Amino acid sequence: MVGSAEIWVEPFGDGAILHYYLRGDPTVSEADATARTMTDSPRGRRAADRLRRRHALRWKQNVWALKVELEEGRPPGSGEW
């Protein structure tokens, strides 16, 4: 995938909300950073949806793992760090 991403943190209560916005295009191959054109057909839209889901799931897994590590042993809503 080639493109750009925005990440920002919004303070909320005694914690934060992490926002993530990805703009990307699939690439020709893993080794080639040339953007690949997706056809505007049901098959092309399904392929784009699968790619979006795969990247979103990977992002969420990594962010939740970081959250668990950073908040280890901290009671929710306690304000303790």
PDB file of N, CA and C in Angstrom:
ATOM      1  N   MET A   1       0.848  -1.165   0.000  1.00  0.00           N
ATOM      2  CA  MET A   1       0.000   0.000   0.000  1.00  0.00           C
ATOM      3  C   MET A   1       0.896   1.230   0.000  1.00  0.00           C
ATOM      4  N   VAL A   2       0.491   2.235  -0.747  1.00  0.00           N
ATOM      5  CA  VAL A   2       1.220   3.490  -0.800  1.00  0.00           C
ATOM      6  C   VAL A   2       0.212   4.620  -0.565  1.00  0.00           C
ATOM      7  N   GLY A   3       0.596   5.604   0.246  1.00  0.00           N
ATOM      8  CA  GLY A   3      -0.310   6.703   0.558  1.00  0.00           C
ATOM      9  C   GLY A   3       0.184   7.474   1.764  1.00  0.00           C
ATOM     10  N   SER A   4      -0.753   7.972   2.554  1.00  0.00           N
ATOM     11  CA  SER A   4      -0.384   8.728   3.746  1.00  0.00           C
ATOM     12  C   SER A   4      -1.381   8.415   4.857  1.00  0.00           C
ATOM     13  N   ALA A   5      -0.991   8.774   6.075  1.00  0.00           N
ATOM     14  CA  ALA A   5      -1.847   8.530   7.233  1.00  0.00           C
ATOM     15  C   ALA A   5      -1.770   9.716   8.179  1.00  0.00           C
ATOM     16  N   GLU A   6      -2.857   9.935   8.905  1.00  0.00           N
ATOM     17  CA  GLU A   6      -2.895  10.940   9.966  1.00  0.00           C
ATOM     18  C   GLU A   6      -3.209  10.212  11.263  1.00  0.00           C
ATOM     19  N   ILE A   7      -2.488  10.571  12.308  1.00  0.00           N
ATOM     20  CA  ILE A   7      -2.734  10.015  13.636  1.00  0.00           C
ATOM     21  C   ILE A   7      -2.772  11.191  14.605  1.00  0.00           C
ATOM     22  N   TRP A   8      -3.814  11.273  15.415  1.00  0.00           N
ATOM     23  CA  TRP A   8      -3.837  12.310  16.433  1.00  0.00           C
ATOM     24  C   TRP A   8      -4.496  11.772  17.690  1.00  0.00           C
ATOM     25  N   VAL A   9      -4.114  12.386  18.819  1.00  0.00           N
ATOM     26  CA  VAL A   9      -4.588  11.956  20.134  1.00  0.00           C
ATOM     27  C   VAL A   9      -5.469  13.056  20.710  1.00  0.00           C
ATOM     28  N   GLU A  10      -6.648  12.670  21.178  1.00  0.00           N
ATOM     29  CA  GLU A  10      -7.592  13.605  21.772  1.00  0.00           C
ATOM     30  C   GLU A  10      -7.744  13.265  23.254  1.00  0.00           C
ATOM     31  N   PRO A  11      -7.396  14.204  24.157  1.00  0.00           N
ATOM     32  CA  PRO A  11      -7.594  13.939  25.582  1.00  0.00           C
ATOM     33  C   PRO A  11      -9.076  13.668  25.869  1.00  0.00           C
ATOM     34  N   PHE A  12      -9.342  12.693  26.728  1.00  0.00           N
ATOM     35  CA  PHE A  12     -10.722  12.343  27.066  1.00  0.00           C
ATOM     36  C   PHE A  12     -10.732  11.756  28.469  1.00  0.00           C
ATOM     37  N   GLY A  13     -11.439  12.411  29.372  1.00  0.00           N
ATOM     38  CA  GLY A  13     -11.484  11.937  30.759  1.00  0.00           C
ATOM     39  C   GLY A  13     -10.079  11.855  31.326  1.00  0.00           C
ATOM     40  N   ASP A  14      -9.744  10.711  31.928  1.00  0.00           N
ATOM     41  CA  ASP A  14      -8.383  10.535  32.445  1.00  0.00           C
ATOM     42  C   ASP A  14      -7.531   9.742  31.453  1.00  0.00           C
ATOM     43  N   GLY A  15      -7.979   9.695  30.203  1.00  0.00           N
ATOM     44  CA  GLY A  15      -7.235   8.962  29.171  1.00  0.00           C
ATOM     45  C   GLY A  15      -7.198   9.744  27.870  1.00  0.00           C
ATOM     46  N   ALA A  16      -7.303   9.033  26.778  1.00  0.00           N
ATOM     47  CA  ALA A  16      -7.225   9.664  25.467  1.00  0.00           C
ATOM     48  C   ALA A  16      -7.938   8.797  24.431  1.00  0.00           C
ATOM     49  N   ILE A  17      -8.347   9.447  23.345  1.00  0.00           N
ATOM     50  CA  ILE A  17      -8.899   8.752  22.186  1.00  0.00           C
ATOM     51  C   ILE A  17      -7.884   8.902  21.064  1.00  0.00           C
ATOM     52  N   LEU A  18      -7.530   7.803  20.449  1.00  0.00           N
ATOM     53  CA  LEU A  18      -6.562   7.800  19.357  1.00  0.00           C
ATOM     54  C   LEU A  18      -7.319   7.737  18.036  1.00  0.00           C
ATOM     55  N   HIS A  19      -7.092   8.728  17.180  1.00  0.00           N
ATOM     56  CA  HIS A  19      -7.735   8.786  15.866  1.00  0.00           C
ATOM     57  C   HIS A  19      -6.711   8.415  14.799  1.00  0.00           C
ATOM     58  N   TYR A  20      -7.181   7.727  13.770  1.00  0.00           N
ATOM     59  CA  TYR A  20      -6.302   7.252  12.704  1.00  0.00           C
ATOM     60  C   TYR A  20      -7.055   7.363  11.389  1.00  0.00           C
ATOM     61  N   TYR A  21      -6.436   7.996  10.400  1.00  0.00           N
ATOM     62  CA  TYR A  21      -7.053   8.141   9.089  1.00  0.00           C
ATOM     63  C   TYR A  21      -6.037   7.726   8.044  1.00  0.00           C
ATOM     64  N   LEU A  22      -6.367   6.749   7.237  1.00  0.00           N
ATOM     65  CA  LEU A  22      -5.453   6.219   6.223  1.00  0.00           C
ATOM     66  C   LEU A  22      -5.996   6.512   4.833  1.00  0.00           C
ATOM     67  N   ARG A  23      -5.153   7.076   3.994  1.00  0.00           N
ATOM     68  CA  ARG A  23      -5.448   7.244   2.574  1.00  0.00           C
ATOM     69  C   ARG A  23      -4.414   6.416   1.838  1.00  0.00           C
ATOM     70  N   GLY A  24      -4.844   5.421   1.130  1.00  0.00           N
ATOM     71  CA  GLY A  24      -3.864   4.566   0.480  1.00  0.00           C
ATOM     72  C   GLY A  24      -4.400   3.879  -0.754  1.00  0.00           C
ATOM     73  N   ASP A  25      -3.492   3.495  -1.579  1.00  0.00           N
ATOM     74  CA  ASP A  25      -3.798   2.725  -2.777  1.00  0.00           C
ATOM     75  C   ASP A  25      -3.003   1.432  -2.722  1.00  0.00           C
ATOM     76  N   PRO A  26      -3.584   0.355  -3.229  1.00  0.00           N
ATOM     77  CA  PRO A  26      -2.829  -0.897  -3.276  1.00  0.00           C
ATOM     78  C   PRO A  26      -1.651  -0.759  -4.231  1.00  0.00           C
ATOM     79  N   THR A  27      -0.632  -1.556  -4.004  1.00  0.00           N
ATOM     80  CA  THR A  27       0.543  -1.522  -4.876  1.00  0.00           C
ATOM     81  C   THR A  27       0.555  -2.733  -5.798  1.00  0.00           C
ATOM     82  N   VAL A  28       1.384  -2.629  -6.824  1.00  0.00           N
ATOM     83  CA  VAL A  28       1.503  -3.699  -7.808  1.00  0.00           C
ATOM     84  C   VAL A  28       1.957  -4.986  -7.136  1.00  0.00           C
ATOM     85  N   SER A  29       2.936  -4.883  -6.225  1.00  0.00           N
ATOM     86  CA  SER A  29       3.421  -6.043  -5.475  1.00  0.00           C
ATOM     87  C   SER A  29       3.994  -5.556  -4.154  1.00  0.00           C
ATOM     88  N   GLU A  30       4.321  -6.485  -3.272  1.00  0.00           N
ATOM     89  CA  GLU A  30       4.906  -6.130  -1.972  1.00  0.00           C
ATOM     90  C   GLU A  30       6.207  -5.357  -2.146  1.00  0.00           C
ATOM     91  N   ALA A  31       6.992  -5.716  -3.163  1.00  0.00           N
ATOM     92  CA  ALA A  31       8.309  -5.114  -3.362  1.00  0.00           C
ATOM     93  C   ALA A  31       8.257  -3.844  -4.205  1.00  0.00           C
ATOM     94  N   ASP A  32       7.144  -3.583  -4.872  1.00  0.00           N
ATOM     95  CA  ASP A  32       7.037  -2.447  -5.786  1.00  0.00           C
ATOM     96  C   ASP A  32       6.063  -1.428  -5.206  1.00  0.00           C
ATOM     97  N   ALA A  33       6.501  -0.182  -5.039  1.00  0.00           N
ATOM     98  CA  ALA A  33       5.659   0.854  -4.447  1.00  0.00           C
ATOM     99  C   ALA A  33       4.813   1.581  -5.490  1.00  0.00           C
ATOM    100  N   THR A  34       4.670   1.020  -6.676  1.00  0.00           N
ATOM    101  CA  THR A  34       3.840   1.620  -7.713  1.00  0.00           C
ATOM    102  C   THR A  34       2.369   1.313  -7.420  1.00  0.00           C
ATOM    103  N   ALA A  35       1.548   2.371  -7.416  1.00  0.00           N
ATOM    104  CA  ALA A  35       0.125   2.181  -7.128  1.00  0.00           C
ATOM    105  C   ALA A  35      -0.531   1.335  -8.218  1.00  0.00           C
ATOM    106  N   ARG A  36      -1.417   0.447  -7.776  1.00  0.00           N
ATOM    107  CA  ARG A  36      -2.152  -0.419  -8.700  1.00  0.00           C
ATOM    108  C   ARG A  36      -3.563   0.133  -8.853  1.00  0.00           C
ATOM    109  N   THR A  37      -4.067   0.158 -10.047  1.00  0.00           N
ATOM    110  CA  THR A  37      -5.417   0.638 -10.302  1.00  0.00           C
ATOM    111  C   THR A  37      -6.421  -0.466  -9.991  1.00  0.00           C
ATOM    112  N   MET A  38      -7.419  -0.124  -9.196  1.00  0.00           N
ATOM    113  CA  MET A  38      -8.489  -1.071  -8.882  1.00  0.00           C
ATOM    114  C   MET A  38      -9.633  -0.805  -9.856  1.00  0.00           C
ATOM    115  N   THR A  39     -10.168  -1.853 -10.444  1.00  0.00           N
ATOM    116  CA  THR A  39     -11.268  -1.684 -11.385  1.00  0.00           C
ATOM    117  C   THR A  39     -12.538  -1.300 -10.637  1.00  0.00           C
ATOM    118  N   ASP A  40     -13.376  -0.500 -11.286  1.00  0.00           N
ATOM    119  CA  ASP A  40     -14.652  -0.107 -10.698  1.00  0.00           C
ATOM    120  C   ASP A  40     -15.697  -1.154 -11.080  1.00  0.00           C
ATOM    121  N   SER A  41     -15.550  -2.298 -10.471  1.00  0.00           N
ATOM    122  CA  SER A  41     -16.449  -3.421 -10.717  1.00  0.00           C
ATOM    123  C   SER A  41     -16.717  -4.078  -9.368  1.00  0.00           C
ATOM    124  N   PRO A  42     -17.689  -4.952  -9.290  1.00  0.00           N
ATOM    125  CA  PRO A  42     -17.916  -5.648  -8.018  1.00  0.00           C
ATOM    126  C   PRO A  42     -16.657  -6.358  -7.521  1.00  0.00           C
ATOM    127  N   ARG A  43     -15.922  -6.982  -8.418  1.00  0.00           N
ATOM    128  CA  ARG A  43     -14.695  -7.682  -8.016  1.00  0.00           C
ATOM    129  C   ARG A  43     -13.651  -6.697  -7.483  1.00  0.00           C
ATOM    130  N   GLY A  44     -13.474  -5.564  -8.163  1.00  0.00           N
ATOM    131  CA  GLY A  44     -12.515  -4.554  -7.716  1.00  0.00           C
ATOM    132  C   GLY A  44     -12.896  -3.956  -6.377  1.00  0.00           C
ATOM    133  N   ARG A  45     -14.196  -3.696  -6.184  1.00  0.00           N
ATOM    134  CA  ARG A  45     -14.656  -3.140  -4.902  1.00  0.00           C
ATOM    135  C   ARG A  45     -14.472  -4.145  -3.769  1.00  0.00           C
ATOM    136  N   ARG A  46     -14.717  -5.430  -4.040  1.00  0.00           N
ATOM    137  CA  ARG A  46     -14.494  -6.454  -3.006  1.00  0.00           C
ATOM    138  C   ARG A  46     -13.016  -6.538  -2.633  1.00  0.00           C
ATOM    139  N   ALA A  47     -12.144  -6.456  -3.634  1.00  0.00           N
ATOM    140  CA  ALA A  47     -10.699  -6.497  -3.362  1.00  0.00           C
ATOM    141  C   ALA A  47     -10.283  -5.295  -2.520  1.00  0.00           C
ATOM    142  N   ALA A  48     -10.807  -4.109  -2.846  1.00  0.00           N
ATOM    143  CA  ALA A  48     -10.489  -2.905  -2.070  1.00  0.00           C
ATOM    144  C   ALA A  48     -11.020  -3.034  -0.645  1.00  0.00           C
ATOM    145  N   ASP A  49     -12.222  -3.578  -0.484  1.00  0.00           N
ATOM    146  CA  ASP A  49     -12.793  -3.778   0.853  1.00  0.00           C
ATOM    147  C   ASP A  49     -11.949  -4.740   1.680  1.00  0.00           C
ATOM    148  N   ARG A  50     -11.492  -5.831   1.064  1.00  0.00           N
ATOM    149  CA  ARG A  50     -10.635  -6.788   1.786  1.00  0.00           C
ATOM    150  C   ARG A  50      -9.343  -6.120   2.240  1.00  0.00           C
ATOM    151  N   LEU A  51      -8.754  -5.318   1.373  1.00  0.00           N
ATOM    152  CA  LEU A  51      -7.510  -4.616   1.710  1.00  0.00           C
ATOM    153  C   LEU A  51      -7.734  -3.651   2.868  1.00  0.00           C
ATOM    154  N   ARG A  52      -8.835  -2.879   2.811  1.00  0.00           N
ATOM    155  CA  ARG A  52      -9.150  -1.943   3.897  1.00  0.00           C
ATOM    156  C   ARG A  52      -9.341  -2.680   5.215  1.00  0.00           C
ATOM    157  N   ARG A  53     -10.106  -3.763   5.187  1.00  0.00           N
ATOM    158  CA  ARG A  53     -10.350  -4.532   6.414  1.00  0.00           C
ATOM    159  C   ARG A  53      -9.058  -5.098   6.984  1.00  0.00           C
ATOM    160  N   ARG A  54      -8.193  -5.615   6.111  1.00  0.00           N
ATOM    161  CA  ARG A  54      -6.931  -6.199   6.576  1.00  0.00           C
ATOM    162  C   ARG A  54      -6.072  -5.148   7.277  1.00  0.00           C
ATOM    163  N   HIS A  55      -5.955  -3.959   6.686  1.00  0.00           N
ATOM    164  CA  HIS A  55      -5.139  -2.910   7.303  1.00  0.00           C
ATOM    165  C   HIS A  55      -5.790  -2.373   8.578  1.00  0.00           C
ATOM    166  N   ALA A  56      -7.102  -2.221   8.581  1.00  0.00           N
ATOM    167  CA  ALA A  56      -7.790  -1.732   9.783  1.00  0.00           C
ATOM    168  C   ALA A  56      -7.631  -2.716  10.938  1.00  0.00           C
ATOM    169  N   LEU A  57      -7.773  -4.001  10.655  1.00  0.00           N
ATOM    170  CA  LEU A  57      -7.625  -5.010  11.703  1.00  0.00           C
ATOM    171  C   LEU A  57      -6.205  -5.028  12.255  1.00  0.00           C
ATOM    172  N   ARG A  58      -5.214  -4.954  11.385  1.00  0.00           N
ATOM    173  CA  ARG A  58      -3.815  -4.937  11.838  1.00  0.00           C
ATOM    174  C   ARG A  58      -3.562  -3.709  12.713  1.00  0.00           C
ATOM    175  N   TRP A  59      -4.064  -2.553  12.305  1.00  0.00           N
ATOM    176  CA  TRP A  59      -3.902  -1.322  13.081  1.00  0.00           C
ATOM    177  C   TRP A  59      -4.534  -1.481  14.465  1.00  0.00           C
ATOM    178  N   LYS A  60      -5.763  -1.970  14.509  1.00  0.00           N
ATOM    179  CA  LYS A  60      -6.461  -2.125  15.788  1.00  0.00           C
ATOM    180  C   LYS A  60      -5.744  -3.108  16.706  1.00  0.00           C
ATOM    181  N   GLN A  61      -5.254  -4.202  16.173  1.00  0.00           N
ATOM    182  CA  GLN A  61      -4.527  -5.178  16.990  1.00  0.00           C
ATOM    183  C   GLN A  61      -3.287  -4.546  17.612  1.00  0.00           C
ATOM    184  N   ASN A  62      -2.543  -3.769  16.836  1.00  0.00           N
ATOM    185  CA  ASN A  62      -1.330  -3.129  17.355  1.00  0.00           C
ATOM    186  C   ASN A  62      -1.649  -2.063  18.394  1.00  0.00           C
ATOM    187  N   VAL A  63      -2.668  -1.250  18.151  1.00  0.00           N
ATOM    188  CA  VAL A  63      -3.024  -0.186  19.094  1.00  0.00           C
ATOM    189  C   VAL A  63      -3.539  -0.779  20.405  1.00  0.00           C
ATOM    190  N   TRP A  64      -4.374  -1.820  20.329  1.00  0.00           N
ATOM    191  CA  TRP A  64      -4.874  -2.439  21.553  1.00  0.00           C
ATOM    192  C   TRP A  64      -3.752  -3.107  22.336  1.00  0.00           C
ATOM    193  N   ALA A  65      -2.794  -3.707  21.648  1.00  0.00           N
ATOM    194  CA  ALA A  65      -1.644  -4.311  22.340  1.00  0.00           C
ATOM    195  C   ALA A  65      -0.842  -3.235  23.069  1.00  0.00           C
ATOM    196  N   LEU A  66      -0.655  -2.079  22.439  1.00  0.00           N
ATOM    197  CA  LEU A  66       0.054  -0.971  23.078  1.00  0.00           C
ATOM    198  C   LEU A  66      -0.726  -0.471  24.289  1.00  0.00           C
ATOM    199  N   LYS A  67      -2.048  -0.339  24.160  1.00  0.00           N
ATOM    200  CA  LYS A  67      -2.892   0.110  25.273  1.00  0.00           C
ATOM    201  C   LYS A  67      -2.754  -0.834  26.468  1.00  0.00           C
ATOM    202  N   VAL A  68      -2.830  -2.127  26.213  1.00  0.00           N
ATOM    203  CA  VAL A  68      -2.707  -3.118  27.289  1.00  0.00           C
ATOM    204  C   VAL A  68      -1.353  -2.986  27.979  1.00  0.00           C
ATOM    205  N   GLU A  69      -0.299  -2.821  27.196  1.00  0.00           N
ATOM    206  CA  GLU A  69       1.047  -2.691  27.765  1.00  0.00           C
ATOM    207  C   GLU A  69       1.184  -1.418  28.594  1.00  0.00           C
ATOM    208  N   LEU A  70       0.679  -0.295  28.086  1.00  0.00           N
ATOM    209  CA  LEU A  70       0.825   0.983  28.792  1.00  0.00           C
ATOM    210  C   LEU A  70      -0.039   1.060  30.051  1.00  0.00           C
ATOM    211  N   GLU A  71      -1.198   0.416  30.033  1.00  0.00           N
ATOM    212  CA  GLU A  71      -2.118   0.503  31.168  1.00  0.00           C
ATOM    213  C   GLU A  71      -2.052  -0.708  32.087  1.00  0.00           C
ATOM    214  N   GLU A  72      -1.041  -1.524  31.957  1.00  0.00           N
ATOM    215  CA  GLU A  72      -0.938  -2.753  32.752  1.00  0.00           C
ATOM    216  C   GLU A  72      -1.042  -2.448  34.245  1.00  0.00           C
ATOM    217  N   GLY A  73      -2.034  -3.047  34.887  1.00  0.00           N
ATOM    218  CA  GLY A  73      -2.209  -2.883  36.328  1.00  0.00           C
ATOM    219  C   GLY A  73      -2.915  -1.608  36.741  1.00  0.00           C
ATOM    220  N   ARG A  74      -3.284  -0.749  35.820  1.00  0.00           N
ATOM    221  CA  ARG A  74      -3.942   0.516  36.143  1.00  0.00           C
ATOM    222  C   ARG A  74      -5.452   0.314  36.143  1.00  0.00           C
ATOM    223  N   PRO A  75      -6.120   0.591  37.262  1.00  0.00           N
ATOM    224  CA  PRO A  75      -7.580   0.455  37.289  1.00  0.00           C
ATOM    225  C   PRO A  75      -8.235   1.496  36.376  1.00  0.00           C
ATOM    226  N   PRO A  76      -9.244   1.126  35.591  1.00  0.00           N
ATOM    227  CA  PRO A  76      -9.923   2.081  34.713  1.00  0.00           C
ATOM    228  C   PRO A  76     -10.539   3.225  35.506  1.00  0.00           C
ATOM    229  N   GLY A  77     -10.394   4.439  35.002  1.00  0.00           N
ATOM    230  CA  GLY A  77     -10.989   5.608  35.631  1.00  0.00           C
ATOM    231  C   GLY A  77     -10.319   6.064  36.905  1.00  0.00           C
ATOM    232  N   SER A  78      -9.164   5.505  37.235  1.00  0.00           N
ATOM    233  CA  SER A  78      -8.503   5.832  38.503  1.00  0.00           C
ATOM    234  C   SER A  78      -7.695   7.123  38.440  1.00  0.00           C
ATOM    235  N   GLY A  79      -7.315   7.550  37.250  1.00  0.00           N
ATOM    236  CA  GLY A  79      -6.464   8.730  37.128  1.00  0.00           C
ATOM    237  C   GLY A  79      -5.027   8.465  37.513  1.00  0.00           C
ATOM    238  N   GLU A  80      -4.695   7.221  37.845  1.00  0.00           N
ATOM    239  CA  GLU A  80      -3.325   6.858  38.237  1.00  0.00           C
ATOM    240  C   GLU A  80      -2.491   6.524  37.014  1.00  0.00           C
ATOM    241  N   TRP A  81      -1.243   6.917  37.051  1.00  0.00           N
ATOM    242  CA  TRP A  81      -0.286   6.538  36.000  1.00  0.00           C
ATOM    243  C   TRP A  81       0.906   6.028  36.677  1.00  0.00           C
TER     244      TRP A  81
END
